[in-house]
Amino acid sequence: MKTFYKKAKLITEAEARYIIAHGTASSSEWVVVQYMDQWFDIRGMTKSEITDHIENLDRKLASDLAAGIENPH
């Protein structure tokens, strides 16, 4: 698993909507990511870091599903 120097910050949906509505600066065109029921502030991340972060979330979900921790429904 990769280590991130600039981690995405877990935020609430309300915070995500505020960030989106106010067009705050980002190094890419993306400012927030929603993954399942979680929202992340990704303004400080490059596209490559964002991709790696989402892939990490996918791996964690697959691991949790395999372990019976997460329900797919």
N, C-alpha and C. Protein backbone atom coordinates (compact mmCIF):
# COMPACT_ATOMS: atom_id res chain seq x y z
N MET A 1 0.83 -1.17 0.00
CA MET A 1 0.00 0.00 0.00
C MET A 1 0.89 1.25 0.00
N LYS A 2 0.49 2.26 -0.78
CA LYS A 2 1.29 3.47 -0.90
C LYS A 2 1.03 4.41 0.28
N THR A 3 2.02 5.21 0.58
CA THR A 3 1.90 6.23 1.61
C THR A 3 1.68 7.57 0.93
N PHE A 4 0.77 8.36 1.45
CA PHE A 4 0.49 9.66 0.86
C PHE A 4 1.08 10.76 1.74
N TYR A 5 1.73 11.71 1.10
CA TYR A 5 2.27 12.86 1.82
C TYR A 5 1.22 13.95 1.96
N LYS A 6 0.29 13.96 1.00
CA LYS A 6 -0.83 14.90 1.04
C LYS A 6 -2.10 14.07 1.09
N LYS A 7 -2.61 13.83 2.25
CA LYS A 7 -3.80 12.99 2.36
C LYS A 7 -5.06 13.79 2.11
N ALA A 8 -6.03 13.10 1.56
CA ALA A 8 -7.35 13.71 1.41
C ALA A 8 -7.96 13.85 2.79
N LYS A 9 -8.60 14.98 3.01
CA LYS A 9 -9.22 15.25 4.31
C LYS A 9 -10.67 14.80 4.26
N LEU A 10 -11.06 13.94 5.20
CA LEU A 10 -12.44 13.49 5.32
C LEU A 10 -13.29 14.67 5.80
N ILE A 11 -14.36 14.97 5.05
CA ILE A 11 -15.23 16.10 5.38
C ILE A 11 -16.69 15.64 5.34
N THR A 12 -17.58 16.52 5.77
CA THR A 12 -19.01 16.22 5.72
C THR A 12 -19.56 16.59 4.34
N GLU A 13 -20.75 16.10 4.06
CA GLU A 13 -21.39 16.45 2.79
C GLU A 13 -21.65 17.96 2.71
N ALA A 14 -22.03 18.56 3.82
CA ALA A 14 -22.28 20.01 3.85
C ALA A 14 -21.00 20.78 3.53
N GLU A 15 -19.87 20.36 4.09
CA GLU A 15 -18.60 21.01 3.77
C GLU A 15 -18.25 20.84 2.30
N ALA A 16 -18.51 19.64 1.76
CA ALA A 16 -18.23 19.38 0.34
C ALA A 16 -19.06 20.30 -0.54
N ARG A 17 -20.33 20.44 -0.23
CA ARG A 17 -21.20 21.31 -1.02
C ARG A 17 -20.75 22.77 -0.95
N TYR A 18 -20.26 23.19 0.21
CA TYR A 18 -19.75 24.56 0.35
C TYR A 18 -18.51 24.75 -0.53
N ILE A 19 -17.60 23.80 -0.48
CA ILE A 19 -16.37 23.89 -1.28
C ILE A 19 -16.71 23.94 -2.76
N ILE A 20 -17.62 23.08 -3.19
CA ILE A 20 -18.04 23.04 -4.60
C ILE A 20 -18.68 24.37 -5.00
N ALA A 21 -19.58 24.88 -4.17
CA ALA A 21 -20.32 26.10 -4.49
C ALA A 21 -19.44 27.34 -4.55
N HIS A 22 -18.37 27.35 -3.76
CA HIS A 22 -17.55 28.55 -3.70
C HIS A 22 -16.30 28.48 -4.56
N GLY A 23 -16.16 27.42 -5.34
CA GLY A 23 -15.08 27.33 -6.32
C GLY A 23 -13.69 27.60 -5.77
N THR A 24 -13.38 27.06 -4.65
CA THR A 24 -12.07 27.28 -4.05
C THR A 24 -10.96 26.68 -4.90
N ALA A 25 -9.78 27.23 -4.82
CA ALA A 25 -8.65 26.85 -5.66
C ALA A 25 -8.21 25.41 -5.43
N SER A 26 -7.79 24.78 -6.53
CA SER A 26 -7.29 23.41 -6.49
C SER A 26 -6.20 23.26 -7.53
N SER A 27 -5.27 22.32 -7.30
CA SER A 27 -4.21 22.07 -8.27
C SER A 27 -4.72 21.28 -9.47
N SER A 28 -5.92 20.72 -9.36
CA SER A 28 -6.57 20.06 -10.50
C SER A 28 -7.98 20.63 -10.60
N GLU A 29 -8.76 20.15 -11.56
CA GLU A 29 -10.13 20.67 -11.67
C GLU A 29 -11.05 20.10 -10.60
N TRP A 30 -10.59 19.07 -9.89
CA TRP A 30 -11.40 18.44 -8.84
C TRP A 30 -11.11 19.08 -7.49
N VAL A 31 -12.16 19.24 -6.69
CA VAL A 31 -11.98 19.80 -5.35
C VAL A 31 -12.45 18.85 -4.25
N VAL A 32 -13.45 18.01 -4.56
CA VAL A 32 -13.93 17.02 -3.60
C VAL A 32 -14.20 15.71 -4.33
N VAL A 33 -14.15 14.62 -3.57
CA VAL A 33 -14.49 13.29 -4.09
C VAL A 33 -15.46 12.67 -3.11
N GLN A 34 -16.54 12.07 -3.66
CA GLN A 34 -17.44 11.28 -2.84
C GLN A 34 -17.16 9.82 -3.12
N TYR A 35 -16.94 9.06 -2.07
CA TYR A 35 -16.72 7.63 -2.19
C TYR A 35 -17.65 6.95 -1.21
N MET A 36 -18.63 6.21 -1.79
CA MET A 36 -19.69 5.60 -0.98
C MET A 36 -20.37 6.73 -0.21
N ASP A 37 -20.38 6.69 1.12
CA ASP A 37 -21.02 7.75 1.90
C ASP A 37 -20.01 8.70 2.52
N GLN A 38 -18.78 8.69 2.02
CA GLN A 38 -17.73 9.56 2.54
C GLN A 38 -17.37 10.64 1.52
N TRP A 39 -17.04 11.81 2.03
CA TRP A 39 -16.60 12.93 1.20
C TRP A 39 -15.18 13.30 1.60
N PHE A 40 -14.35 13.66 0.61
CA PHE A 40 -12.96 14.01 0.85
C PHE A 40 -12.62 15.33 0.17
N ASP A 41 -11.94 16.20 0.89
CA ASP A 41 -11.38 17.43 0.34
C ASP A 41 -10.05 17.06 -0.30
N ILE A 42 -9.94 17.21 -1.62
CA ILE A 42 -8.75 16.77 -2.34
C ILE A 42 -8.03 17.94 -3.02
N ARG A 43 -8.29 19.15 -2.57
CA ARG A 43 -7.72 20.32 -3.24
C ARG A 43 -6.20 20.35 -3.23
N GLY A 44 -5.57 19.76 -2.25
CA GLY A 44 -4.11 19.80 -2.18
C GLY A 44 -3.42 18.63 -2.87
N MET A 45 -4.18 17.84 -3.62
CA MET A 45 -3.61 16.63 -4.20
C MET A 45 -3.52 16.75 -5.73
N THR A 46 -2.53 16.07 -6.29
CA THR A 46 -2.40 16.00 -7.74
C THR A 46 -3.36 14.94 -8.27
N LYS A 47 -3.57 14.92 -9.59
CA LYS A 47 -4.45 13.90 -10.18
C LYS A 47 -3.94 12.50 -9.88
N SER A 48 -2.64 12.32 -9.92
CA SER A 48 -2.05 11.01 -9.62
C SER A 48 -2.32 10.61 -8.17
N GLU A 49 -2.18 11.54 -7.25
CA GLU A 49 -2.46 11.25 -5.84
C GLU A 49 -3.94 10.95 -5.62
N ILE A 50 -4.81 11.66 -6.34
CA ILE A 50 -6.24 11.41 -6.23
C ILE A 50 -6.56 10.00 -6.72
N THR A 51 -6.00 9.62 -7.85
CA THR A 51 -6.21 8.28 -8.40
C THR A 51 -5.72 7.23 -7.41
N ASP A 52 -4.54 7.42 -6.86
CA ASP A 52 -3.99 6.48 -5.87
C ASP A 52 -4.89 6.39 -4.64
N HIS A 53 -5.41 7.54 -4.20
CA HIS A 53 -6.29 7.57 -3.02
C HIS A 53 -7.56 6.75 -3.28
N ILE A 54 -8.18 6.94 -4.44
CA ILE A 54 -9.40 6.21 -4.77
C ILE A 54 -9.12 4.72 -4.90
N GLU A 55 -7.99 4.37 -5.51
CA GLU A 55 -7.61 2.96 -5.61
C GLU A 55 -7.41 2.35 -4.22
N ASN A 56 -6.83 3.11 -3.30
CA ASN A 56 -6.67 2.64 -1.91
C ASN A 56 -8.03 2.39 -1.27
N LEU A 57 -8.98 3.29 -1.49
CA LEU A 57 -10.32 3.12 -0.94
C LEU A 57 -10.97 1.86 -1.52
N ASP A 58 -10.77 1.63 -2.83
CA ASP A 58 -11.31 0.41 -3.47
C ASP A 58 -10.71 -0.84 -2.86
N ARG A 59 -9.40 -0.83 -2.62
CA ARG A 59 -8.74 -2.00 -2.02
C ARG A 59 -9.25 -2.25 -0.61
N LYS A 60 -9.44 -1.18 0.16
CA LYS A 60 -9.94 -1.34 1.53
C LYS A 60 -11.35 -1.90 1.51
N LEU A 61 -12.20 -1.40 0.62
CA LEU A 61 -13.57 -1.91 0.52
C LEU A 61 -13.56 -3.39 0.14
N ALA A 62 -12.75 -3.77 -0.85
CA ALA A 62 -12.67 -5.18 -1.26
C ALA A 62 -12.20 -6.05 -0.10
N SER A 63 -11.24 -5.57 0.66
CA SER A 63 -10.73 -6.31 1.81
C SER A 63 -11.81 -6.46 2.87
N ASP A 64 -12.54 -5.38 3.14
CA ASP A 64 -13.62 -5.42 4.13
C ASP A 64 -14.75 -6.35 3.69
N LEU A 65 -15.07 -6.34 2.40
CA LEU A 65 -16.11 -7.24 1.88
C LEU A 65 -15.67 -8.70 2.04
N ALA A 66 -14.41 -8.98 1.70
CA ALA A 66 -13.89 -10.34 1.81
C ALA A 66 -13.88 -10.82 3.26
N ALA A 67 -13.64 -9.90 4.19
CA ALA A 67 -13.59 -10.24 5.61
C ALA A 67 -14.97 -10.26 6.25
N GLY A 68 -15.99 -9.86 5.50
CA GLY A 68 -17.34 -9.82 6.04
C GLY A 68 -17.61 -8.62 6.90
N ILE A 69 -16.73 -7.63 6.87
CA ILE A 69 -16.89 -6.42 7.68
C ILE A 69 -17.89 -5.47 7.05
N GLU A 70 -17.88 -5.39 5.74
CA GLU A 70 -18.73 -4.47 4.98
C GLU A 70 -19.81 -5.25 4.26
N ASN A 71 -21.01 -4.69 4.21
CA ASN A 71 -22.13 -5.29 3.49
C ASN A 71 -22.24 -4.58 2.14
N PRO A 72 -22.28 -5.31 1.03
CA PRO A 72 -22.32 -4.65 -0.27
C PRO A 72 -23.63 -3.92 -0.57
N HIS A 73 -24.64 -4.08 0.27
CA HIS A 73 -25.93 -3.44 0.01
C HIS A 73 -26.10 -2.29 0.89
